[in-house]
Amino acid sequence: MRLLATRRHGHVRFEEVHQIAMLERPLESSGELVYEAPDHLEERTLAPRVETLVLDHGVLTARRGSRTTTLPLREYPQVAPFVESIRATLAGDRAALERLFRVRFTGDLAHWTLRLTPADSTLARAVKDIRIEGAREAIRTVEIRQNDGDRSVLTIGPEIPP
């Protein structure tokens, strides 16, 4: 976690796949992620349609076309753990992770895994776990497995040069 906390900025490509039982095919998207320590995270989806999600100081703002929606995370406790799992991991904020999840670390610096199991019983009814894999100070994948069998996998990288 200390090594992750040393990273102050990141700009990477991403691909995300959502497997939802009621859909014939997975939903796929791709774009860019931007991180500025300690609490600015931006997901710029470029395909299949342009949209932006920005987390800044505990407020999540979603933009698609001319429509903008703002959600203070403290008012949406069902959303906060998903967002915070990534933000807190990027920031190396173990205390924040441990407030929301039971945290289990395995591996070594070359290949590590964080398994986050919801501590809150309401969230635990929906989310089985969140598995984050990385190497050194970089996150490579984030997998969210739900109890109904749905899952999403976010694959992160490569870096986008400044």
N, C-alpha and C. Protein backbone atom coordinates (compact mmCIF):
# COMPACT_ATOMS: atom_id res chain seq x y z
N MET A 1 0.83 -1.19 0.00
CA MET A 1 0.00 0.00 0.00
C MET A 1 0.87 1.26 0.00
N ARG A 2 2.00 1.18 0.69
CA ARG A 2 2.91 2.35 0.70
C ARG A 2 3.41 2.66 -0.70
N LEU A 3 3.72 1.63 -1.46
CA LEU A 3 4.20 1.83 -2.83
C LEU A 3 3.11 2.47 -3.70
N LEU A 4 1.88 2.01 -3.56
CA LEU A 4 0.78 2.62 -4.31
C LEU A 4 0.62 4.09 -3.93
N ALA A 5 0.78 4.40 -2.65
CA ALA A 5 0.61 5.77 -2.17
C ALA A 5 1.64 6.73 -2.75
N THR A 6 2.78 6.21 -3.22
CA THR A 6 3.81 7.10 -3.78
C THR A 6 3.45 7.60 -5.18
N ARG A 7 2.52 6.93 -5.84
CA ARG A 7 2.13 7.32 -7.20
C ARG A 7 1.16 8.49 -7.12
N ARG A 8 1.52 9.61 -7.70
CA ARG A 8 0.72 10.83 -7.61
C ARG A 8 -0.15 11.07 -8.84
N HIS A 9 0.18 10.41 -9.95
CA HIS A 9 -0.54 10.65 -11.20
C HIS A 9 -0.51 9.39 -12.07
N GLY A 10 -1.57 9.19 -12.81
CA GLY A 10 -1.60 8.10 -13.77
C GLY A 10 -2.55 8.43 -14.90
N HIS A 11 -2.19 8.01 -16.10
CA HIS A 11 -3.05 8.19 -17.28
C HIS A 11 -2.86 6.93 -18.13
N VAL A 12 -3.89 6.10 -18.17
CA VAL A 12 -3.80 4.79 -18.81
C VAL A 12 -5.02 4.52 -19.68
N ARG A 13 -4.87 3.55 -20.56
CA ARG A 13 -6.00 3.05 -21.35
C ARG A 13 -6.71 1.98 -20.51
N PHE A 14 -7.99 1.75 -20.81
CA PHE A 14 -8.71 0.67 -20.14
C PHE A 14 -9.66 0.00 -21.12
N GLU A 15 -9.98 -1.24 -20.78
CA GLU A 15 -11.05 -2.00 -21.43
C GLU A 15 -11.87 -2.60 -20.32
N GLU A 16 -13.19 -2.59 -20.49
CA GLU A 16 -14.07 -3.14 -19.46
C GLU A 16 -15.09 -4.05 -20.11
N VAL A 17 -15.34 -5.19 -19.46
CA VAL A 17 -16.32 -6.16 -19.94
C VAL A 17 -17.28 -6.45 -18.79
N HIS A 18 -18.58 -6.25 -19.06
CA HIS A 18 -19.63 -6.58 -18.09
C HIS A 18 -20.36 -7.82 -18.60
N GLN A 19 -20.35 -8.87 -17.81
CA GLN A 19 -21.10 -10.08 -18.15
C GLN A 19 -22.34 -10.10 -17.28
N ILE A 20 -23.49 -9.93 -17.94
CA ILE A 20 -24.77 -9.84 -17.24
C ILE A 20 -25.64 -11.00 -17.72
N ALA A 21 -26.14 -11.79 -16.77
CA ALA A 21 -26.86 -13.02 -17.10
C ALA A 21 -28.02 -12.80 -18.07
N MET A 22 -28.74 -11.71 -17.94
CA MET A 22 -29.91 -11.51 -18.78
C MET A 22 -29.59 -11.01 -20.20
N LEU A 23 -28.31 -10.78 -20.49
CA LEU A 23 -27.91 -10.34 -21.82
C LEU A 23 -27.23 -11.47 -22.58
N GLU A 24 -27.47 -11.52 -23.89
CA GLU A 24 -26.85 -12.55 -24.72
C GLU A 24 -25.34 -12.40 -24.82
N ARG A 25 -24.89 -11.14 -24.95
CA ARG A 25 -23.47 -10.86 -25.11
C ARG A 25 -22.99 -9.92 -24.02
N PRO A 26 -21.72 -9.98 -23.69
CA PRO A 26 -21.17 -9.04 -22.71
C PRO A 26 -21.21 -7.61 -23.24
N LEU A 27 -21.29 -6.65 -22.33
CA LEU A 27 -21.17 -5.24 -22.68
C LEU A 27 -19.70 -4.88 -22.59
N GLU A 28 -19.17 -4.29 -23.65
CA GLU A 28 -17.75 -3.93 -23.68
C GLU A 28 -17.60 -2.43 -23.87
N SER A 29 -16.61 -1.87 -23.20
CA SER A 29 -16.30 -0.45 -23.37
C SER A 29 -14.79 -0.27 -23.25
N SER A 30 -14.32 0.89 -23.72
CA SER A 30 -12.89 1.18 -23.63
C SER A 30 -12.70 2.68 -23.60
N GLY A 31 -11.53 3.09 -23.12
CA GLY A 31 -11.23 4.51 -23.04
C GLY A 31 -9.98 4.78 -22.25
N GLU A 32 -10.02 5.84 -21.44
CA GLU A 32 -8.86 6.27 -20.67
C GLU A 32 -9.25 6.51 -19.22
N LEU A 33 -8.32 6.23 -18.32
CA LEU A 33 -8.46 6.55 -16.90
C LEU A 33 -7.38 7.56 -16.53
N VAL A 34 -7.77 8.55 -15.74
CA VAL A 34 -6.82 9.55 -15.24
C VAL A 34 -6.96 9.58 -13.73
N TYR A 35 -5.81 9.53 -13.05
CA TYR A 35 -5.80 9.58 -11.58
C TYR A 35 -4.86 10.69 -11.13
N GLU A 36 -5.33 11.52 -10.21
CA GLU A 36 -4.51 12.53 -9.54
C GLU A 36 -4.69 12.30 -8.05
N ALA A 37 -3.61 11.98 -7.36
CA ALA A 37 -3.68 11.68 -5.93
C ALA A 37 -4.17 12.90 -5.16
N PRO A 38 -4.91 12.69 -4.09
CA PRO A 38 -5.34 11.40 -3.57
C PRO A 38 -6.76 11.01 -3.96
N ASP A 39 -7.55 11.94 -4.55
CA ASP A 39 -8.96 11.59 -4.71
C ASP A 39 -9.62 12.08 -5.99
N HIS A 40 -8.84 12.23 -7.05
CA HIS A 40 -9.44 12.57 -8.35
C HIS A 40 -9.25 11.37 -9.28
N LEU A 41 -10.35 10.84 -9.74
CA LEU A 41 -10.34 9.70 -10.65
C LEU A 41 -11.31 10.00 -11.78
N GLU A 42 -10.85 9.84 -13.00
CA GLU A 42 -11.66 10.15 -14.17
C GLU A 42 -11.65 8.98 -15.13
N GLU A 43 -12.84 8.55 -15.53
CA GLU A 43 -12.99 7.49 -16.52
C GLU A 43 -13.61 8.12 -17.77
N ARG A 44 -12.83 8.18 -18.83
CA ARG A 44 -13.31 8.73 -20.12
C ARG A 44 -13.58 7.56 -21.05
N THR A 45 -14.84 7.18 -21.16
CA THR A 45 -15.21 6.10 -22.06
C THR A 45 -15.29 6.67 -23.47
N LEU A 46 -14.58 6.04 -24.40
CA LEU A 46 -14.55 6.50 -25.79
C LEU A 46 -15.37 5.60 -26.71
N ALA A 47 -15.54 4.33 -26.31
CA ALA A 47 -16.32 3.39 -27.12
C ALA A 47 -17.09 2.47 -26.17
N PRO A 48 -18.29 2.09 -26.45
CA PRO A 48 -19.00 2.30 -27.70
C PRO A 48 -19.60 3.70 -27.84
N ARG A 49 -19.74 4.44 -26.73
CA ARG A 49 -20.19 5.83 -26.82
C ARG A 49 -19.42 6.66 -25.82
N VAL A 50 -19.26 7.92 -26.13
CA VAL A 50 -18.48 8.82 -25.28
C VAL A 50 -19.28 9.17 -24.03
N GLU A 51 -18.64 8.96 -22.89
CA GLU A 51 -19.18 9.41 -21.61
C GLU A 51 -18.02 9.55 -20.63
N THR A 52 -18.24 10.37 -19.61
CA THR A 52 -17.18 10.63 -18.64
C THR A 52 -17.74 10.49 -17.24
N LEU A 53 -17.00 9.80 -16.38
CA LEU A 53 -17.29 9.73 -14.95
C LEU A 53 -16.12 10.38 -14.23
N VAL A 54 -16.40 11.32 -13.34
CA VAL A 54 -15.34 12.00 -12.61
C VAL A 54 -15.64 11.91 -11.12
N LEU A 55 -14.69 11.39 -10.35
CA LEU A 55 -14.76 11.41 -8.89
C LEU A 55 -13.80 12.49 -8.43
N ASP A 56 -14.33 13.45 -7.69
CA ASP A 56 -13.49 14.52 -7.17
C ASP A 56 -14.01 14.91 -5.79
N HIS A 57 -13.17 14.72 -4.78
CA HIS A 57 -13.51 15.08 -3.40
C HIS A 57 -14.84 14.47 -2.96
N GLY A 58 -15.06 13.20 -3.27
CA GLY A 58 -16.26 12.50 -2.80
C GLY A 58 -17.51 12.76 -3.61
N VAL A 59 -17.40 13.44 -4.73
CA VAL A 59 -18.56 13.72 -5.59
C VAL A 59 -18.31 13.05 -6.94
N LEU A 60 -19.29 12.26 -7.39
CA LEU A 60 -19.21 11.57 -8.67
C LEU A 60 -20.07 12.33 -9.68
N THR A 61 -19.47 12.72 -10.80
CA THR A 61 -20.18 13.44 -11.85
C THR A 61 -20.13 12.60 -13.12
N ALA A 62 -21.31 12.34 -13.70
CA ALA A 62 -21.41 11.56 -14.93
C ALA A 62 -21.89 12.48 -16.05
N ARG A 63 -21.19 12.41 -17.19
CA ARG A 63 -21.56 13.23 -18.35
C ARG A 63 -21.70 12.33 -19.58
N ARG A 64 -22.85 12.45 -20.23
CA ARG A 64 -23.08 11.75 -21.51
C ARG A 64 -23.82 12.73 -22.40
N GLY A 65 -23.17 13.14 -23.49
CA GLY A 65 -23.75 14.15 -24.36
C GLY A 65 -23.94 15.45 -23.60
N SER A 66 -25.13 16.00 -23.66
CA SER A 66 -25.40 17.26 -22.95
C SER A 66 -25.95 17.03 -21.55
N ARG A 67 -26.08 15.79 -21.13
CA ARG A 67 -26.66 15.46 -19.83
C ARG A 67 -25.56 15.25 -18.78
N THR A 68 -25.71 15.89 -17.62
CA THR A 68 -24.77 15.76 -16.51
C THR A 68 -25.54 15.41 -15.25
N THR A 69 -25.05 14.41 -14.52
CA THR A 69 -25.63 14.00 -13.25
C THR A 69 -24.55 14.04 -12.19
N THR A 70 -24.87 14.60 -11.02
CA THR A 70 -23.92 14.71 -9.93
C THR A 70 -24.44 13.94 -8.72
N LEU A 71 -23.58 13.10 -8.14
CA LEU A 71 -23.94 12.28 -6.98
C LEU A 71 -22.92 12.46 -5.87
N PRO A 72 -23.26 13.11 -4.77
CA PRO A 72 -22.37 13.10 -3.61
C PRO A 72 -22.37 11.66 -3.05
N LEU A 73 -21.23 11.01 -3.02
CA LEU A 73 -21.17 9.59 -2.63
C LEU A 73 -21.72 9.33 -1.23
N ARG A 74 -21.61 10.28 -0.33
CA ARG A 74 -22.14 10.07 1.03
C ARG A 74 -23.66 9.86 1.01
N GLU A 75 -24.34 10.33 -0.05
CA GLU A 75 -25.79 10.16 -0.17
C GLU A 75 -26.17 8.88 -0.92
N TYR A 76 -25.17 8.16 -1.45
CA TYR A 76 -25.42 6.95 -2.21
C TYR A 76 -24.50 5.83 -1.71
N PRO A 77 -24.80 5.31 -0.51
CA PRO A 77 -23.91 4.31 0.08
C PRO A 77 -23.80 3.02 -0.73
N GLN A 78 -24.74 2.75 -1.63
CA GLN A 78 -24.67 1.55 -2.47
C GLN A 78 -23.65 1.70 -3.59
N VAL A 79 -23.29 2.93 -3.95
CA VAL A 79 -22.33 3.19 -5.03
C VAL A 79 -20.91 3.38 -4.48
N ALA A 80 -20.82 4.00 -3.32
CA ALA A 80 -19.52 4.38 -2.75
C ALA A 80 -18.50 3.25 -2.68
N PRO A 81 -18.86 2.04 -2.25
CA PRO A 81 -17.83 0.99 -2.14
C PRO A 81 -17.17 0.63 -3.48
N PHE A 82 -17.92 0.66 -4.57
CA PHE A 82 -17.34 0.34 -5.88
C PHE A 82 -16.30 1.39 -6.26
N VAL A 83 -16.67 2.63 -6.11
CA VAL A 83 -15.77 3.73 -6.47
C VAL A 83 -14.58 3.77 -5.51
N GLU A 84 -14.87 3.62 -4.23
CA GLU A 84 -13.83 3.72 -3.22
C GLU A 84 -12.84 2.56 -3.30
N SER A 85 -13.28 1.39 -3.76
CA SER A 85 -12.34 0.26 -3.87
C SER A 85 -11.19 0.62 -4.81
N ILE A 86 -11.48 1.31 -5.89
CA ILE A 86 -10.43 1.70 -6.84
C ILE A 86 -9.66 2.91 -6.33
N ARG A 87 -10.39 3.95 -5.89
CA ARG A 87 -9.73 5.18 -5.44
C ARG A 87 -8.81 4.90 -4.26
N ALA A 88 -9.28 4.17 -3.27
CA ALA A 88 -8.47 3.89 -2.08
C ALA A 88 -7.27 3.01 -2.41
N THR A 89 -7.43 2.07 -3.33
CA THR A 89 -6.30 1.23 -3.74
C THR A 89 -5.25 2.09 -4.44
N LEU A 90 -5.69 2.93 -5.39
CA LEU A 90 -4.75 3.82 -6.08
C LEU A 90 -4.01 4.73 -5.10
N ALA A 91 -4.71 5.20 -4.08
CA ALA A 91 -4.11 6.12 -3.11
C ALA A 91 -3.30 5.39 -2.05
N GLY A 92 -3.36 4.05 -2.04
CA GLY A 92 -2.66 3.29 -1.00
C GLY A 92 -3.31 3.53 0.36
N ASP A 93 -4.61 3.78 0.37
CA ASP A 93 -5.35 4.14 1.59
C ASP A 93 -5.97 2.89 2.22
N ARG A 94 -5.15 2.18 2.95
CA ARG A 94 -5.60 0.93 3.56
C ARG A 94 -6.73 1.15 4.55
N ALA A 95 -6.67 2.23 5.33
CA ALA A 95 -7.72 2.51 6.33
C ALA A 95 -9.09 2.65 5.66
N ALA A 96 -9.14 3.34 4.50
CA ALA A 96 -10.40 3.50 3.78
C ALA A 96 -10.92 2.15 3.29
N LEU A 97 -10.02 1.32 2.77
CA LEU A 97 -10.43 -0.01 2.32
C LEU A 97 -10.98 -0.83 3.48
N GLU A 98 -10.31 -0.77 4.63
CA GLU A 98 -10.72 -1.57 5.78
C GLU A 98 -12.01 -1.08 6.42
N ARG A 99 -12.42 0.16 6.16
CA ARG A 99 -13.72 0.64 6.65
C ARG A 99 -14.86 -0.02 5.89
N LEU A 100 -14.63 -0.36 4.63
CA LEU A 100 -15.68 -0.90 3.77
C LEU A 100 -15.59 -2.39 3.51
N PHE A 101 -14.38 -2.94 3.62
CA PHE A 101 -14.15 -4.33 3.21
C PHE A 101 -13.28 -5.08 4.21
N ARG A 102 -13.38 -6.41 4.13
CA ARG A 102 -12.35 -7.26 4.72
C ARG A 102 -11.30 -7.39 3.63
N VAL A 103 -10.06 -7.05 3.94
CA VAL A 103 -9.00 -6.95 2.94
C VAL A 103 -8.04 -8.12 3.10
N ARG A 104 -7.76 -8.80 2.00
CA ARG A 104 -6.80 -9.90 2.00
C ARG A 104 -5.79 -9.67 0.88
N PHE A 105 -4.53 -9.61 1.22
CA PHE A 105 -3.45 -9.39 0.26
C PHE A 105 -2.69 -10.69 0.08
N THR A 106 -2.43 -11.05 -1.18
CA THR A 106 -1.58 -12.21 -1.48
C THR A 106 -0.60 -11.82 -2.58
N GLY A 107 0.48 -12.57 -2.68
CA GLY A 107 1.46 -12.36 -3.73
C GLY A 107 2.67 -11.59 -3.24
N ASP A 108 3.39 -11.01 -4.22
CA ASP A 108 4.58 -10.22 -3.91
C ASP A 108 4.54 -8.98 -4.79
N LEU A 109 5.58 -8.17 -4.75
CA LEU A 109 5.58 -6.92 -5.50
C LEU A 109 5.44 -7.12 -7.01
N ALA A 110 5.96 -8.23 -7.52
CA ALA A 110 5.91 -8.49 -8.96
C ALA A 110 4.51 -8.85 -9.44
N HIS A 111 3.69 -9.44 -8.57
CA HIS A 111 2.31 -9.81 -8.90
C HIS A 111 1.54 -9.98 -7.61
N TRP A 112 0.67 -9.02 -7.32
CA TRP A 112 -0.11 -9.06 -6.09
C TRP A 112 -1.61 -9.06 -6.38
N THR A 113 -2.36 -9.51 -5.39
CA THR A 113 -3.82 -9.53 -5.47
C THR A 113 -4.40 -9.01 -4.17
N LEU A 114 -5.35 -8.11 -4.28
CA LEU A 114 -6.15 -7.67 -3.15
C LEU A 114 -7.54 -8.25 -3.34
N ARG A 115 -8.03 -8.97 -2.36
CA ARG A 115 -9.41 -9.46 -2.42
C ARG A 115 -10.19 -8.69 -1.37
N LEU A 116 -11.19 -7.96 -1.83
CA LEU A 116 -12.00 -7.12 -0.96
C LEU A 116 -13.38 -7.76 -0.83
N THR A 117 -13.75 -8.13 0.39
CA THR A 117 -15.05 -8.71 0.66
C THR A 117 -15.86 -7.69 1.45
N PRO A 118 -17.07 -7.36 1.00
CA PRO A 118 -17.84 -6.32 1.69
C PRO A 118 -18.02 -6.61 3.17
N ALA A 119 -17.77 -5.60 3.99
CA ALA A 119 -17.98 -5.72 5.44
C ALA A 119 -19.44 -5.45 5.79
N ASP A 120 -20.11 -4.64 5.00
CA ASP A 120 -21.50 -4.27 5.23
C ASP A 120 -22.42 -5.37 4.70
N SER A 121 -23.36 -5.84 5.52
CA SER A 121 -24.24 -6.94 5.14
C SER A 121 -25.15 -6.59 3.97
N THR A 122 -25.58 -5.34 3.85
CA THR A 122 -26.42 -4.94 2.73
C THR A 122 -25.66 -5.07 1.42
N LEU A 123 -24.44 -4.55 1.38
CA LEU A 123 -23.62 -4.66 0.19
C LEU A 123 -23.25 -6.12 -0.08
N ALA A 124 -22.99 -6.89 0.97
CA ALA A 124 -22.60 -8.29 0.82
C ALA A 124 -23.71 -9.13 0.18
N ARG A 125 -24.96 -8.70 0.30
CA ARG A 125 -26.05 -9.43 -0.36
C ARG A 125 -25.95 -9.31 -1.88
N ALA A 126 -25.37 -8.22 -2.36
CA ALA A 126 -25.26 -8.00 -3.80
C ALA A 126 -23.88 -8.36 -4.36
N VAL A 127 -22.82 -8.01 -3.62
CA VAL A 127 -21.46 -8.17 -4.12
C VAL A 127 -20.75 -9.30 -3.38
N LYS A 128 -20.27 -10.26 -4.14
CA LYS A 128 -19.51 -11.35 -3.53
C LYS A 128 -18.13 -10.86 -3.12
N ASP A 129 -17.41 -10.26 -4.08
CA ASP A 129 -16.09 -9.70 -3.78
C ASP A 129 -15.58 -8.84 -4.93
N ILE A 130 -14.53 -8.11 -4.62
CA ILE A 130 -13.82 -7.32 -5.62
C ILE A 130 -12.38 -7.79 -5.56
N ARG A 131 -11.85 -8.15 -6.72
CA ARG A 131 -10.48 -8.67 -6.79
C ARG A 131 -9.66 -7.69 -7.63
N ILE A 132 -8.62 -7.16 -7.03
CA ILE A 132 -7.76 -6.20 -7.71
C ILE A 132 -6.37 -6.81 -7.83
N GLU A 133 -5.85 -6.86 -9.06
CA GLU A 133 -4.52 -7.42 -9.28
C GLU A 133 -3.61 -6.34 -9.83
N GLY A 134 -2.33 -6.44 -9.45
CA GLY A 134 -1.38 -5.46 -9.94
C GLY A 134 0.05 -5.92 -9.82
N ALA A 135 0.94 -5.01 -10.17
CA ALA A 135 2.38 -5.24 -10.08
C ALA A 135 3.01 -3.94 -9.60
N ARG A 136 3.77 -4.03 -8.55
CA ARG A 136 4.41 -2.86 -7.94
C ARG A 136 3.36 -1.80 -7.64
N GLU A 137 3.50 -0.57 -8.21
CA GLU A 137 2.57 0.51 -7.90
C GLU A 137 1.46 0.65 -8.94
N ALA A 138 1.25 -0.37 -9.77
CA ALA A 138 0.26 -0.29 -10.84
C ALA A 138 -0.84 -1.34 -10.67
N ILE A 139 -2.07 -0.90 -10.83
CA ILE A 139 -3.21 -1.80 -10.86
C ILE A 139 -3.36 -2.30 -12.29
N ARG A 140 -3.56 -3.60 -12.46
CA ARG A 140 -3.72 -4.18 -13.80
C ARG A 140 -5.17 -4.58 -14.10
N THR A 141 -5.87 -5.17 -13.12
CA THR A 141 -7.27 -5.56 -13.33
C THR A 141 -8.08 -5.33 -12.06
N VAL A 142 -9.36 -5.05 -12.29
CA VAL A 142 -10.34 -4.95 -11.20
C VAL A 142 -11.52 -5.81 -11.63
N GLU A 143 -11.79 -6.84 -10.85
CA GLU A 143 -12.91 -7.73 -11.15
C GLU A 143 -13.92 -7.61 -10.02
N ILE A 144 -15.18 -7.33 -10.39
CA ILE A 144 -16.26 -7.26 -9.40
C ILE A 144 -17.19 -8.43 -9.68
N ARG A 145 -17.32 -9.31 -8.67
CA ARG A 145 -18.20 -10.46 -8.82
C ARG A 145 -19.42 -10.26 -7.92
N GLN A 146 -20.59 -10.39 -8.53
CA GLN A 146 -21.82 -10.23 -7.79
C GLN A 146 -22.39 -11.59 -7.42
N ASN A 147 -23.22 -11.62 -6.40
CA ASN A 147 -23.79 -12.89 -5.94
C ASN A 147 -24.76 -13.50 -6.94
N ASP A 148 -25.32 -12.71 -7.86
CA ASP A 148 -26.24 -13.24 -8.86
C ASP A 148 -25.52 -13.82 -10.07
N GLY A 149 -24.17 -13.83 -10.05
CA GLY A 149 -23.39 -14.39 -11.15
C GLY A 149 -22.88 -13.34 -12.14
N ASP A 150 -23.44 -12.14 -12.10
CA ASP A 150 -22.93 -11.08 -12.98
C ASP A 150 -21.54 -10.68 -12.52
N ARG A 151 -20.74 -10.22 -13.48
CA ARG A 151 -19.39 -9.77 -13.12
C ARG A 151 -18.89 -8.75 -14.13
N SER A 152 -17.95 -7.94 -13.68
CA SER A 152 -17.29 -7.00 -14.59
C SER A 152 -15.79 -7.12 -14.38
N VAL A 153 -15.06 -6.95 -15.47
CA VAL A 153 -13.61 -6.97 -15.40
C VAL A 153 -13.08 -5.73 -16.11
N LEU A 154 -12.34 -4.93 -15.37
CA LEU A 154 -11.70 -3.73 -15.88
C LEU A 154 -10.22 -4.05 -16.05
N THR A 155 -9.72 -3.96 -17.27
CA THR A 155 -8.31 -4.21 -17.56
C THR A 155 -7.64 -2.85 -17.79
N ILE A 156 -6.59 -2.59 -17.05
CA ILE A 156 -5.95 -1.27 -17.04
C ILE A 156 -4.56 -1.35 -17.66
N GLY A 157 -4.26 -0.38 -18.53
CA GLY A 157 -2.95 -0.26 -19.14
C GLY A 157 -3.05 -0.42 -20.63
N PRO A 158 -2.13 0.03 -21.36
CA PRO A 158 -0.84 0.60 -20.96
C PRO A 158 -0.96 2.09 -20.63
N GLU A 159 0.15 2.62 -20.10
CA GLU A 159 0.26 4.04 -19.78
C GLU A 159 0.14 4.86 -21.06
N ILE A 160 -0.44 6.04 -20.93
CA ILE A 160 -0.49 6.99 -22.04
C ILE A 160 0.58 8.05 -21.73
N PRO A 161 1.54 8.22 -22.62
CA PRO A 161 2.62 9.18 -22.33
C PRO A 161 2.09 10.61 -22.24
N PRO A 162 2.75 11.43 -21.41
CA PRO A 162 2.31 12.83 -21.26
C PRO A 162 2.45 13.62 -22.54
